[in-house]
Structure formats: C-alpha cells, structure tokens
C-alpha atoms as a PDB file:
ATOM      1  CA  MET A   1      -8.442  50.415   3.380  1.00  0.00           C
ATOM      2  CA  THR A   2      -8.284  47.232   1.282  1.00  0.00           C
ATOM      3  CA  LEU A   3      -6.180  44.283   2.384  1.00  0.00           C
ATOM      4  CA  ASN A   4      -5.302  41.661  -0.199  1.00  0.00           C
ATOM      5  CA  LEU A   5      -4.828  37.913   0.096  1.00  0.00           C
ATOM      6  CA  ARG A   6      -1.053  38.116  -0.441  1.00  0.00           C
ATOM      7  CA  GLN A   7      -0.767  40.350   2.603  1.00  0.00           C
ATOM      8  CA  LEU A   8      -2.975  38.089   4.688  1.00  0.00           C
ATOM      9  CA  ARG A   9      -1.065  34.953   3.648  1.00  0.00           C
ATOM     10  CA  ALA A  10       2.235  36.613   4.510  1.00  0.00           C
ATOM     11  CA  PHE A  11       0.885  37.805   7.866  1.00  0.00           C
ATOM     12  CA  VAL A  12      -0.477  34.339   8.754  1.00  0.00           C
ATOM     13  CA  ALA A  13       2.813  32.679   7.787  1.00  0.00           C
ATOM     14  CA  VAL A  14       4.850  35.060   9.952  1.00  0.00           C
ATOM     15  CA  TYR A  15       2.397  34.663  12.852  1.00  0.00           C
ATOM     16  CA  GLU A  16       2.517  30.862  12.726  1.00  0.00           C
ATOM     17  CA  GLU A  17       6.262  30.566  12.154  1.00  0.00           C
ATOM     18  CA  GLY A  18       7.243  33.329  14.598  1.00  0.00           C
ATOM     19  CA  SER A  19       9.891  34.513  12.164  1.00  0.00           C
ATOM     20  CA  PHE A  20      10.059  36.386   8.836  1.00  0.00           C
ATOM     21  CA  ASN A  21      12.856  34.084   7.696  1.00  0.00           C
ATOM     22  CA  ARG A  22      10.956  30.843   8.397  1.00  0.00           C
ATOM     23  CA  ALA A  23       7.769  32.316   6.933  1.00  0.00           C
ATOM     24  CA  ALA A  24       9.644  33.230   3.738  1.00  0.00           C
ATOM     25  CA  LYS A  25      10.950  29.669   3.378  1.00  0.00           C
ATOM     26  CA  ARG A  26       7.443  28.288   3.934  1.00  0.00           C
ATOM     27  CA  GLU A  27       5.937  30.567   1.285  1.00  0.00           C
ATOM     28  CA  ASN A  28       8.853  30.204  -1.171  1.00  0.00           C
ATOM     29  CA  ALA A  29       9.420  33.946  -0.943  1.00  0.00           C
ATOM     30  CA  THR A  30      12.194  36.300   0.158  1.00  0.00           C
ATOM     31  CA  GLN A  31      12.464  37.643   3.675  1.00  0.00           C
ATOM     32  CA  SER A  32      12.406  41.193   2.360  1.00  0.00           C
ATOM     33  CA  GLY A  33       9.285  40.432   0.349  1.00  0.00           C
ATOM     34  CA  MET A  34       7.486  39.076   3.398  1.00  0.00           C
ATOM     35  CA  SER A  35       8.581  42.084   5.440  1.00  0.00           C
ATOM     36  CA  THR A  36       7.268  44.437   2.765  1.00  0.00           C
ATOM     37  CA  LEU A  37       3.882  42.714   2.594  1.00  0.00           C
ATOM     38  CA  VAL A  38       3.440  42.813   6.371  1.00  0.00           C
ATOM     39  CA  GLY A  39       4.736  46.395   6.529  1.00  0.00           C
ATOM     40  CA  ASN A  40       2.220  47.492   3.869  1.00  0.00           C
ATOM     41  CA  LEU A  41      -0.536  45.731   5.802  1.00  0.00           C
ATOM     42  CA  GLU A  42       0.427  47.584   8.993  1.00  0.00           C
ATOM     43  CA  ALA A  43       0.513  50.886   7.125  1.00  0.00           C
ATOM     44  CA  GLN A  44      -2.945  50.302   5.707  1.00  0.00           C
ATOM     45  CA  ILE A  45      -4.586  49.463   9.040  1.00  0.00           C
ATOM     46  CA  GLY A  46      -2.566  51.997  11.008  1.00  0.00           C
ATOM     47  CA  LEU A  47      -1.565  49.449  13.658  1.00  0.00           C
ATOM     48  CA  ARG A  48       1.442  47.250  14.345  1.00  0.00           C
ATOM     49  CA  VAL A  49       0.606  43.539  14.175  1.00  0.00           C
ATOM     50  CA  PHE A  50       4.010  42.350  15.399  1.00  0.00           C
ATOM     51  CA  GLU A  51       6.626  43.458  17.870  1.00  0.00           C
ATOM     52  CA  ARG A  52      10.050  42.668  16.412  1.00  0.00           C
ATOM     53  CA  ASN A  53      12.931  41.495  18.590  1.00  0.00           C
ATOM     54  CA  SER A  54      16.201  39.599  18.237  1.00  0.00           C
ATOM     55  CA  LYS A  55      14.475  36.232  18.651  1.00  0.00           C
ATOM     56  CA  GLY A  56      11.745  36.804  16.078  1.00  0.00           C
ATOM     57  CA  VAL A  57       8.317  38.390  16.243  1.00  0.00           C
ATOM     58  CA  VAL A  58       5.542  38.503  18.836  1.00  0.00           C
ATOM     59  CA  PRO A  59       1.974  39.341  17.777  1.00  0.00           C
ATOM     60  CA  THR A  60       0.368  42.422  19.266  1.00  0.00           C
ATOM     61  CA  GLN A  61      -3.249  42.497  20.427  1.00  0.00           C
ATOM     62  CA  ALA A  62      -4.197  43.742  16.959  1.00  0.00           C
ATOM     63  CA  GLY A  63      -2.161  40.884  15.454  1.00  0.00           C
ATOM     64  CA  GLU A  64      -3.997  38.298  17.543  1.00  0.00           C
ATOM     65  CA  ARG A  65      -7.368  39.591  16.379  1.00  0.00           C
ATOM     66  CA  LEU A  66      -6.250  39.830  12.760  1.00  0.00           C
ATOM     67  CA  TYR A  67      -4.957  36.256  12.853  1.00  0.00           C
ATOM     68  CA  ARG A  68      -8.338  34.893  13.945  1.00  0.00           C
ATOM     69  CA  LYS A  69     -10.090  36.838  11.188  1.00  0.00           C
ATOM     70  CA  SER A  70      -7.489  35.975   8.539  1.00  0.00           C
ATOM     71  CA  THR A  71      -7.575  32.229   9.153  1.00  0.00           C
ATOM     72  CA  ALA A  72     -11.379  32.273   9.015  1.00  0.00           C
ATOM     73  CA  ILE A  73     -11.286  34.118   5.675  1.00  0.00           C
ATOM     74  CA  MET A  74      -8.732  31.736   4.203  1.00  0.00           C
ATOM     75  CA  ARG A  75     -10.696  28.719   5.429  1.00  0.00           C
ATOM     76  CA  ASP A  76     -13.915  30.041   3.865  1.00  0.00           C
ATOM     77  CA  LEU A  77     -12.156  30.621   0.551  1.00  0.00           C
ATOM     78  CA  SER A  78     -10.693  27.131   0.601  1.00  0.00           C
ATOM     79  CA  GLU A  79     -14.075  25.579   1.343  1.00  0.00           C
ATOM     80  CA  ALA A  80     -15.699  27.590  -1.459  1.00  0.00           C
ATOM     81  CA  GLU A  81     -13.028  26.419  -3.889  1.00  0.00           C
ATOM     82  CA  SER A  82     -13.466  22.823  -2.741  1.00  0.00           C
ATOM     83  CA  GLU A  83     -17.229  22.948  -3.207  1.00  0.00           C
ATOM     84  CA  LEU A  84     -16.864  24.318  -6.726  1.00  0.00           C
ATOM     85  CA  ARG A  85     -14.338  21.629  -7.597  1.00  0.00           C
ATOM     86  CA  MET A  86     -16.671  18.968  -6.230  1.00  0.00           C
ATOM     87  CA  LEU A  87     -19.532  20.302  -8.388  1.00  0.00           C
ATOM     88  CA  ALA A  88     -17.236  19.941 -11.376  1.00  0.00           C
ATOM     89  CA  GLY A  89     -16.470  16.336 -10.402  1.00  0.00           C
ATOM     90  CA  ASP A  90     -12.815  17.214  -9.849  1.00  0.00           C
ATOM     91  CA  VAL A  91     -11.892  15.051  -6.853  1.00  0.00           C
ATOM     92  CA  ALA A  92      -8.426  13.624  -7.388  1.00  0.00           C
ATOM     93  CA  GLY A  93      -4.895  13.736  -6.048  1.00  0.00           C
ATOM     94  CA  HIS A  94      -2.898  12.017  -3.326  1.00  0.00           C
ATOM     95  CA  ILE A  95      -3.639  12.292   0.383  1.00  0.00           C
ATOM     96  CA  ARG A  96      -1.551  11.077   3.317  1.00  0.00           C
ATOM     97  CA  ILE A  97      -3.310  10.343   6.592  1.00  0.00           C
ATOM     98  CA  GLY A  98      -1.875   9.359   9.992  1.00  0.00           C
ATOM     99  CA  LEU A  99      -4.039   7.242  12.297  1.00  0.00           C
ATOM    100  CA  ILE A 100      -3.602   5.664  15.726  1.00  0.00           C
ATOM    101  CA  PRO A 101      -4.187   1.869  15.943  1.00  0.00           C
ATOM    102  CA  SER A 102      -7.566   2.139  17.675  1.00  0.00           C
ATOM    103  CA  VAL A 103      -8.932   4.019  14.652  1.00  0.00           C
ATOM    104  CA  THR A 104      -7.359   1.840  11.962  1.00  0.00           C
ATOM    105  CA  TYR A 105      -8.427  -1.432  13.568  1.00  0.00           C
ATOM    106  CA  SER A 106     -12.189  -0.979  13.213  1.00  0.00           C
ATOM    107  CA  LEU A 107     -12.961   2.132  11.183  1.00  0.00           C
ATOM    108  CA  LEU A 108     -10.408   2.150   8.403  1.00  0.00           C
ATOM    109  CA  ALA A 109     -11.557  -0.779   6.237  1.00  0.00           C
ATOM    110  CA  PRO A 110     -15.184   0.376   5.772  1.00  0.00           C
ATOM    111  CA  VAL A 111     -14.086   3.988   5.253  1.00  0.00           C
ATOM    112  CA  LEU A 112     -11.544   3.023   2.588  1.00  0.00           C
ATOM    113  CA  ALA A 113     -14.096   0.823   0.815  1.00  0.00           C
ATOM    114  CA  GLU A 114     -16.684   3.600   0.713  1.00  0.00           C
ATOM    115  CA  PHE A 115     -14.221   6.348  -0.132  1.00  0.00           C
ATOM    116  CA  GLY A 116     -12.575   4.345  -2.908  1.00  0.00           C
ATOM    117  CA  GLY A 117     -15.949   3.637  -4.472  1.00  0.00           C
ATOM    118  CA  LEU A 118     -16.939   7.300  -4.494  1.00  0.00           C
ATOM    119  CA  TYR A 119     -13.564   8.858  -5.368  1.00  0.00           C
ATOM    120  CA  PRO A 120     -11.504   6.345  -7.355  1.00  0.00           C
ATOM    121  CA  ALA A 121      -9.129   9.037  -8.655  1.00  0.00           C
ATOM    122  CA  VAL A 122      -7.788   9.787  -5.170  1.00  0.00           C
ATOM    123  CA  ASP A 123      -4.670   7.905  -4.059  1.00  0.00           C
ATOM    124  CA  VAL A 124      -4.745   7.312  -0.294  1.00  0.00           C
ATOM    125  CA  THR A 125      -1.729   6.555   1.894  1.00  0.00           C
ATOM    126  CA  ILE A 126      -2.410   5.559   5.510  1.00  0.00           C
ATOM    127  CA  VAL A 127       0.322   5.448   8.151  1.00  0.00           C
ATOM    128  CA  GLU A 128      -0.458   3.786  11.481  1.00  0.00           C
ATOM    129  CA  ALA A 129       1.527   4.904  14.519  1.00  0.00           C
ATOM    130  CA  TYR A 130       1.089   6.087  18.085  1.00  0.00           C
ATOM    131  CA  GLY A 131       0.158   9.669  18.911  1.00  0.00           C
ATOM    132  CA  SER A 132       3.583  11.161  19.628  1.00  0.00           C
ATOM    133  CA  ALA A 133       5.057   9.894  16.358  1.00  0.00           C
ATOM    134  CA  LEU A 134       2.054  11.115  14.366  1.00  0.00           C
ATOM    135  CA  THR A 135       2.241  14.529  16.024  1.00  0.00           C
ATOM    136  CA  ASP A 136       5.929  14.923  15.148  1.00  0.00           C
ATOM    137  CA  ARG A 137       5.358  13.895  11.543  1.00  0.00           C
ATOM    138  CA  THR A 138       2.311  16.130  11.161  1.00  0.00           C
ATOM    139  CA  ALA A 139       4.363  19.095  12.396  1.00  0.00           C
ATOM    140  CA  ARG A 140       6.890  18.225   9.647  1.00  0.00           C
ATOM    141  CA  LYS A 141       4.000  18.261   7.122  1.00  0.00           C
ATOM    142  CA  ASP A 142       4.256  14.552   6.334  1.00  0.00           C
ATOM    143  CA  PHE A 143       0.458  14.219   6.571  1.00  0.00           C
ATOM    144  CA  ASP A 144      -2.568  16.158   5.417  1.00  0.00           C
ATOM    145  CA  PHE A 145      -4.018  15.363   8.825  1.00  0.00           C
ATOM    146  CA  ALA A 146      -3.801  12.793  11.601  1.00  0.00           C
ATOM    147  CA  ILE A 147      -6.103  11.514  14.341  1.00  0.00           C
ATOM    148  CA  VAL A 148      -4.444  11.302  17.771  1.00  0.00           C
ATOM    149  CA  PRO A 149      -5.377  11.316  21.466  1.00  0.00           C
ATOM    150  CA  ALA A 150      -5.986  14.916  22.455  1.00  0.00           C
ATOM    151  CA  ASP A 151      -3.785  14.794  25.582  1.00  0.00           C
ATOM    152  CA  ARG A 152      -0.526  15.885  23.988  1.00  0.00           C
ATOM    153  CA  VAL A 153      -1.508  18.254  21.254  1.00  0.00           C
ATOM    154  CA  GLU A 154       0.948  21.148  20.936  1.00  0.00           C
ATOM    155  CA  GLY A 155       1.469  24.515  19.304  1.00  0.00           C
ATOM    156  CA  ARG A 156       3.298  23.355  16.171  1.00  0.00           C
ATOM    157  CA  ILE A 157       0.050  22.088  14.690  1.00  0.00           C
ATOM    158  CA  LYS A 158      -3.572  23.087  14.182  1.00  0.00           C
ATOM    159  CA  THR A 159      -6.015  21.158  16.325  1.00  0.00           C
ATOM    160  CA  SER A 160      -9.743  20.483  16.319  1.00  0.00           C
ATOM    161  CA  PHE A 161     -11.960  18.115  18.278  1.00  0.00           C
ATOM    162  CA  PHE A 162     -12.772  14.790  16.574  1.00  0.00           C
ATOM    163  CA  GLY A 163     -14.728  12.802  19.163  1.00  0.00           C
ATOM    164  CA  ARG A 164     -14.910  11.254  22.618  1.00  0.00           C
ATOM    165  CA  GLU A 165     -15.640   7.740  23.798  1.00  0.00           C
ATOM    166  CA  GLY A 166     -15.353   5.542  26.860  1.00  0.00           C
ATOM    167  CA  GLU A 167     -12.856   2.815  27.696  1.00  0.00           C
ATOM    168  CA  PHE A 168     -13.825  -0.826  28.360  1.00  0.00           C
ATOM    169  CA  LEU A 169     -12.357  -3.560  30.505  1.00  0.00           C
ATOM    170  CA  VAL A 170     -11.695  -6.438  28.107  1.00  0.00           C
ATOM    171  CA  SER A 171     -11.357 -10.028  29.343  1.00  0.00           C
ATOM    172  CA  SER A 172     -11.709 -13.570  28.029  1.00  0.00           C
ATOM    173  CA  ARG A 173     -15.020 -15.236  27.382  1.00  0.00           C
ATOM    174  CA  GLN A 174     -14.370 -17.336  30.501  1.00  0.00           C
ATOM    175  CA  SER A 175     -14.034 -14.350  32.842  1.00  0.00           C
ATOM    176  CA  PRO A 176     -16.553 -13.995  35.701  1.00  0.00           C
ATOM    177  CA  PHE A 177     -17.972 -10.725  34.349  1.00  0.00           C
ATOM    178  CA  VAL A 178     -21.304 -10.360  32.537  1.00  0.00           C
ATOM    179  CA  HIS A 179     -20.790  -9.104  28.992  1.00  0.00           C
ATOM    180  CA  MET A 180     -21.591  -5.355  28.583  1.00  0.00           C
ATOM    181  CA  GLU A 181     -22.421  -4.919  32.264  1.00  0.00           C
ATOM    182  CA  PRO A 182     -20.724  -1.778  33.682  1.00  0.00           C
ATOM    183  CA  VAL A 183     -17.948  -2.364  36.239  1.00  0.00           C
ATOM    184  CA  GLN A 184     -16.128  -0.283  38.850  1.00  0.00           C
ATOM    185  CA  LEU A 185     -12.463  -1.225  38.708  1.00  0.00           C
ATOM    186  CA  LYS A 186     -11.869  -0.326  42.355  1.00  0.00           C
ATOM    187  CA  LYS A 187     -14.451  -2.925  43.438  1.00  0.00           C
ATOM    188  CA  LEU A 188     -12.954  -5.796  41.396  1.00  0.00           C
ATOM    189  CA  PRO A 189     -10.493  -8.445  42.625  1.00  0.00           C
ATOM    190  CA  PRO A 190      -6.830  -7.695  41.800  1.00  0.00           C
ATOM    191  CA  LEU A 191      -6.321  -7.482  38.030  1.00  0.00           C
ATOM    192  CA  LYS A 192      -3.661  -8.831  35.670  1.00  0.00           C
ATOM    193  CA  LEU A 193      -3.504  -6.187  32.954  1.00  0.00           C
ATOM    194  CA  ILE A 194      -1.907  -5.795  29.549  1.00  0.00           C
ATOM    195  CA  LEU A 195      -1.189  -2.091  29.024  1.00  0.00           C
ATOM    196  CA  PRO A 196       0.708   0.060  26.514  1.00  0.00           C
ATOM    197  CA  THR A 197       4.397   0.575  27.231  1.00  0.00           C
ATOM    198  CA  HIS A 198       5.726   3.492  29.267  1.00  0.00           C
ATOM    199  CA  GLY A 199       5.818   6.681  27.222  1.00  0.00           C
ATOM    200  CA  ASN A 200       2.414   5.987  25.721  1.00  0.00           C
ATOM    201  CA  VAL A 201      -0.034   8.658  26.877  1.00  0.00           C
ATOM    202  CA  ARG A 202      -2.719   6.058  27.595  1.00  0.00           C
ATOM    203  CA  ARG A 203      -0.382   4.189  29.960  1.00  0.00           C
ATOM    204  CA  GLU A 204       0.175   7.362  31.953  1.00  0.00           C
ATOM    205  CA  ARG A 205      -3.564   8.063  32.129  1.00  0.00           C
ATOM    206  CA  PHE A 206      -4.308   4.531  33.326  1.00  0.00           C
ATOM    207  CA  GLU A 207      -1.658   4.595  36.050  1.00  0.00           C
ATOM    208  CA  ALA A 208      -2.975   7.932  37.323  1.00  0.00           C
ATOM    209  CA  TYR A 209      -6.507   6.498  37.335  1.00  0.00           C
ATOM    210  CA  PHE A 210      -5.429   3.369  39.228  1.00  0.00           C
ATOM    211  CA  SER A 211      -3.656   5.454  41.858  1.00  0.00           C
ATOM    212  CA  GLU A 212      -6.480   7.964  42.312  1.00  0.00           C
ATOM    213  CA  ASN A 213      -9.166   5.258  42.553  1.00  0.00           C
ATOM    214  CA  GLU A 214      -7.254   2.600  44.505  1.00  0.00           C
ATOM    215  CA  VAL A 215      -7.555  -0.023  41.767  1.00  0.00           C
ATOM    216  CA  LYS A 216      -5.826  -3.263  42.777  1.00  0.00           C
ATOM    217  CA  ILE A 217      -3.300  -4.647  40.265  1.00  0.00           C
ATOM    218  CA  THR A 218      -1.362  -7.896  40.678  1.00  0.00           C
ATOM    219  CA  SER A 219       0.794  -7.616  37.551  1.00  0.00           C
ATOM    220  CA  ILE A 220       1.164  -5.625  34.334  1.00  0.00           C
ATOM    221  CA  MET A 221       2.422  -6.823  30.960  1.00  0.00           C
ATOM    222  CA  SER A 222       3.567  -4.002  28.667  1.00  0.00           C
ATOM    223  CA  ILE A 223       2.732  -4.535  24.986  1.00  0.00           C
ATOM    224  CA  ASP A 224       2.431  -2.074  22.093  1.00  0.00           C
ATOM    225  CA  ALA A 225       0.804  -4.545  19.696  1.00  0.00           C
ATOM    226  CA  MET A 226      -2.963  -4.487  19.403  1.00  0.00           C
ATOM    227  CA  LEU A 227      -3.525  -7.871  17.759  1.00  0.00           C
ATOM    228  CA  ALA A 228      -1.229  -9.657  20.198  1.00  0.00           C
ATOM    229  CA  THR A 229      -2.982  -7.986  23.118  1.00  0.00           C
ATOM    230  CA  LEU A 230      -6.407  -9.070  21.914  1.00  0.00           C
ATOM    231  CA  GLU A 231      -5.241 -12.632  21.284  1.00  0.00           C
ATOM    232  CA  LEU A 232      -3.679 -12.940  24.727  1.00  0.00           C
ATOM    233  CA  VAL A 233      -6.812 -11.611  26.392  1.00  0.00           C
ATOM    234  CA  ALA A 234      -9.017 -14.063  24.493  1.00  0.00           C
ATOM    235  CA  ARG A 235      -6.894 -17.069  25.522  1.00  0.00           C
ATOM    236  CA  ARG A 236      -5.660 -16.379  29.046  1.00  0.00           C
ATOM    237  CA  GLU A 237      -6.403 -14.769  32.375  1.00  0.00           C
ATOM    238  CA  TRP A 238      -4.960 -11.416  31.292  1.00  0.00           C
ATOM    239  CA  MET A 239      -7.239  -8.422  30.796  1.00  0.00           C
ATOM    240  CA  THR A 240      -6.781  -5.061  29.112  1.00  0.00           C
ATOM    241  CA  ILE A 241      -8.451  -1.679  28.772  1.00  0.00           C
ATOM    242  CA  LEU A 242      -9.376  -0.455  25.300  1.00  0.00           C
ATOM    243  CA  PRO A 243     -11.524   2.264  23.743  1.00  0.00           C
ATOM    244  CA  ALA A 244     -14.888   1.249  22.355  1.00  0.00           C
ATOM    245  CA  VAL A 245     -13.999   2.036  18.749  1.00  0.00           C
ATOM    246  CA  ILE A 246     -11.537  -0.833  18.574  1.00  0.00           C
ATOM    247  CA  LEU A 247     -14.024  -3.329  19.992  1.00  0.00           C
ATOM    248  CA  GLN A 248     -16.795  -3.201  17.409  1.00  0.00           C
ATOM    249  CA  GLY A 249     -16.166  -6.789  16.351  1.00  0.00           C
ATOM    250  CA  ASP A 250     -16.444  -7.961  19.974  1.00  0.00           C
ATOM    251  CA  MET A 251     -19.847  -6.468  20.749  1.00  0.00           C
ATOM    252  CA  SER A 252     -21.478  -9.897  20.412  1.00  0.00           C
ATOM    253  CA  GLY A 253     -19.391 -11.257  23.309  1.00  0.00           C
ATOM    254  CA  ARG A 254     -18.561 -14.484  21.473  1.00  0.00           C
ATOM    255  CA  VAL A 255     -14.777 -14.034  21.681  1.00  0.00           C
ATOM    256  CA  ARG A 256     -14.116 -11.568  24.505  1.00  0.00           C
ATOM    257  CA  THR A 257     -16.106 -10.059  27.349  1.00  0.00           C
ATOM    258  CA  LEU A 258     -16.525  -6.298  27.359  1.00  0.00           C
ATOM    259  CA  ASN A 259     -17.459  -4.165  30.342  1.00  0.00           C
ATOM    260  CA  PRO A 260     -17.851  -0.368  30.288  1.00  0.00           C
ATOM    261  CA  ILE A 261     -15.824   1.234  33.076  1.00  0.00           C
ATOM    262  CA  ILE A 262     -17.839   3.532  35.335  1.00  0.00           C
ATOM    263  CA  SER A 263     -17.685   5.482  38.619  1.00  0.00           C
ATOM    264  CA  PRO A 264     -15.558   7.126  37.422  1.00  0.00           C
ATOM    265  CA  THR A 265     -15.476   6.499  33.699  1.00  0.00           C
ATOM    266  CA  ILE A 266     -12.269   6.485  31.688  1.00  0.00           C
ATOM    267  CA  GLU A 267     -12.802   8.522  28.549  1.00  0.00           C
ATOM    268  CA  ILE A 268     -10.550   9.343  25.651  1.00  0.00           C
ATOM    269  CA  ASP A 269     -10.747  12.456  23.494  1.00  0.00           C
ATOM    270  CA  TYR A 270      -9.517  12.324  19.903  1.00  0.00           C
ATOM    271  CA  ALA A 271      -8.177  15.329  18.015  1.00  0.00           C
ATOM    272  CA  VAL A 272      -7.679  16.104  14.337  1.00  0.00           C
ATOM    273  CA  ILE A 273      -4.248  17.633  13.860  1.00  0.00           C
ATOM    274  CA  GLU A 274      -3.025  19.419  10.739  1.00  0.00           C
ATOM    275  CA  PRO A 275       0.209  21.157   9.769  1.00  0.00           C
ATOM    276  CA  ARG A 276       0.131  24.876  10.440  1.00  0.00           C
ATOM    277  CA  GLY A 277       0.077  26.960   7.294  1.00  0.00           C
ATOM    278  CA  LYS A 278      -1.712  24.329   5.208  1.00  0.00           C
ATOM    279  CA  THR A 279      -5.390  24.047   4.319  1.00  0.00           C
ATOM    280  CA  LEU A 280      -7.003  20.662   3.819  1.00  0.00           C
ATOM    281  CA  SER A 281      -7.437  19.724   0.186  1.00  0.00           C
ATOM    282  CA  LEU A 282     -10.884  18.750  -1.024  1.00  0.00           C
ATOM    283  CA  SER A 283     -10.026  15.034  -1.096  1.00  0.00           C
ATOM    284  CA  ALA A 284      -8.512  15.154   2.415  1.00  0.00           C
ATOM    285  CA  ARG A 285     -11.539  16.992   3.785  1.00  0.00           C
ATOM    286  CA  LEU A 286     -13.895  14.452   2.206  1.00  0.00           C
ATOM    287  CA  PHE A 287     -11.906  11.604   3.750  1.00  0.00           C
ATOM    288  CA  LEU A 288     -11.966  13.272   7.177  1.00  0.00           C
ATOM    289  CA  ASP A 289     -15.730  13.875   6.927  1.00  0.00           C
ATOM    290  CA  MET A 290     -16.308  10.223   6.065  1.00  0.00           C
ATOM    291  CA  LEU A 291     -14.085   9.027   8.904  1.00  0.00           C
ATOM    292  CA  LYS A 292     -16.011  11.237  11.331  1.00  0.00           C
ATOM    293  CA  SER A 293     -19.339   9.954  10.003  1.00  0.00           C
ATOM    294  CA  HIS A 294     -18.306   6.336  10.609  1.00  0.00           C
ATOM    295  CA  PHE A 295     -17.010   7.187  14.085  1.00  0.00           C
ATOM    296  CA  ASP A 296     -20.291   8.907  15.008  1.00  0.00           C
ATOM    297  CA  ALA A 297     -22.278   5.931  13.676  1.00  0.00           C
ATOM    298  CA  HIS A 298     -20.159   3.647  15.871  1.00  0.00           C
ATOM    299  CA  LEU A 299     -21.023   5.745  18.925  1.00  0.00           C
ATOM    300  CA  ASP A 300     -24.717   5.599  18.029  1.00  0.00           C
ATOM    301  CA  ARG A 301     -24.597   1.786  17.781  1.00  0.00           C
ATOM    302  CA  LEU A 302     -22.752   1.563  21.065  1.00  0.00           C
ATOM    303  CA  GLY A 303     -25.253   3.835  22.771  1.00  0.00           C
ATOM    304  CA  SER A 304     -28.131   1.617  21.657  1.00  0.00           C
ATOM    305  CA  MET A 305     -26.474  -1.378  23.350  1.00  0.00           C
ATOM    306  CA  LEU A 306     -25.848   0.248  26.741  1.00  0.00           C
END
C-alpha cells in the first residue's frame, strides 16, 4: 500500500472543508477528481475515511487518525523545503500578518528592523486590528498568520499557542501606588477605569473578574484606542489594565505607574492562527519565529524586574 501526496492533499482538503465541492474549489480541482483521489485512498487502505451524507462529509475514526498523520507529514515536508530554500539564500516574497494592538505597540518596531535587515527581499504588510476582526480575516485567508487572544479561537482556522503574560494596573505617576509593587484589586479603593468597549473579549474577561472578586468600580470609560488610553492615564485620575507586553516603555516608572495584579492574577494567552489548508511560507515562518523570540525576551526582562 503506497499513498501519494495528491491523495493526502485531497483528503486533508475534504476533511478541513467538510465538503468535496468546497475542497475542489480550494485545490483548483474538480469535485469528481477529488472524489476519485479520496476513493482510491480508501481502496488502498481498506477503510472508509468519510461518511457521506446530504450535508457533506463526516470523518470516521480512521479519518481522524489519518488527518493527524497527514498534516504532520505535510508540515515536515514544508519545513524541509523551507530549510533547503534558506540554505540557498532564497528568502523572498510578500507576507501579510495580522496583529492585535498590544503586540504592535511594543514588539513590532524592533522585529521589523531586525527582519528587514536580514531579509530585505521580503515585502511585509502588517494589519493592526482587534482579535475578532483578525480571526474573520484569517479564516478568509487574508493573512499568512495572525496573533490574537486565545479566548475566541474557532474551528475555521488552525491554532497554536504563542505565549502567556500577566496584566498590570496602570495609573499616573501621581497615583498612591508604588511602581512595580503587586496589588490586589479587591483591596484597593474604588477605581475609575478605562476599558475596551463592549464586544472586546478583554472587556468581558475584566467584568467577570471584577464580579467574581468583588472589585469596587466607581466609573468606567470605554475606549478602543491604545494611545489615547495611555495619554489619559498619564494625565488624570483614570487607570487602566493592560498586558505587560504593551508596557515595556513604562518599566522605568517615569511616565506611568505599573502594578502587577495578583491574588488572583489576570493573565492573557495569545494564539497564532493560520488559515486552514495553507502552510506557512519560509518568510512567514521566519517572521513568526522572530516575533516569538522578541516576546520571550520581553518576558525574561519582565521576570528579572519582579
């Protein structure tokens, strides 16, 4: 029994799209051609990989196992090809990346400077947006990959863990708190907070946290503008809650006061999302690796300060 890559690609496309018709459109093939490839695969292994019905296809137990093996094989082949291309100095092309504001604000500039110096033949397009918009556009294959909060990742896309970090209470330099000293929000006087608008996943997480931990709030201002939020906090009695990655420039405490939130902490998980049915190009993978390296270095610096 020898399966070939055309059969595996057809099988993976049908599995991910849930339909021979949609898989055929994705692979620029005919529906009958896709059906033949999958049928030949089933004949070779002696097992059905899909149950067909009027609504599409449902993978069998054998199909589930084959999908895990097939995607691993295709990923290994892609990585081998990328490594060979890198040895040949062939790193070029155009990549499109989607990033949430907390990542662009502090990490993007140094990553772009380093990446551009190493790979000048790669054209990079960065789109900044909030997680739900980036998820929708990644599912439509607008991006090679995007970095989003992990809370609302869904089945239309491939997902992997990017990193985790804690949230900080951010206040003006004139606030009564000691810079970088951990705080328990439930033990603080009533807070005036600037938070993301309703519909933002972070707003929902904060409100659940406040309710569960009896945090006292006097008023909330809803703003989806990072620079405006930071400026207001620096000048007035308003405070906000932000992830550590966006606060690298404030670690000195000269402009704003930062306090890690503890007992319990508020943490945010980030995910890498990719369109299903696509494999990261060499240039996109290199950019993602560099972004992750800078994020991990940020966490190391933060850990040394706490």
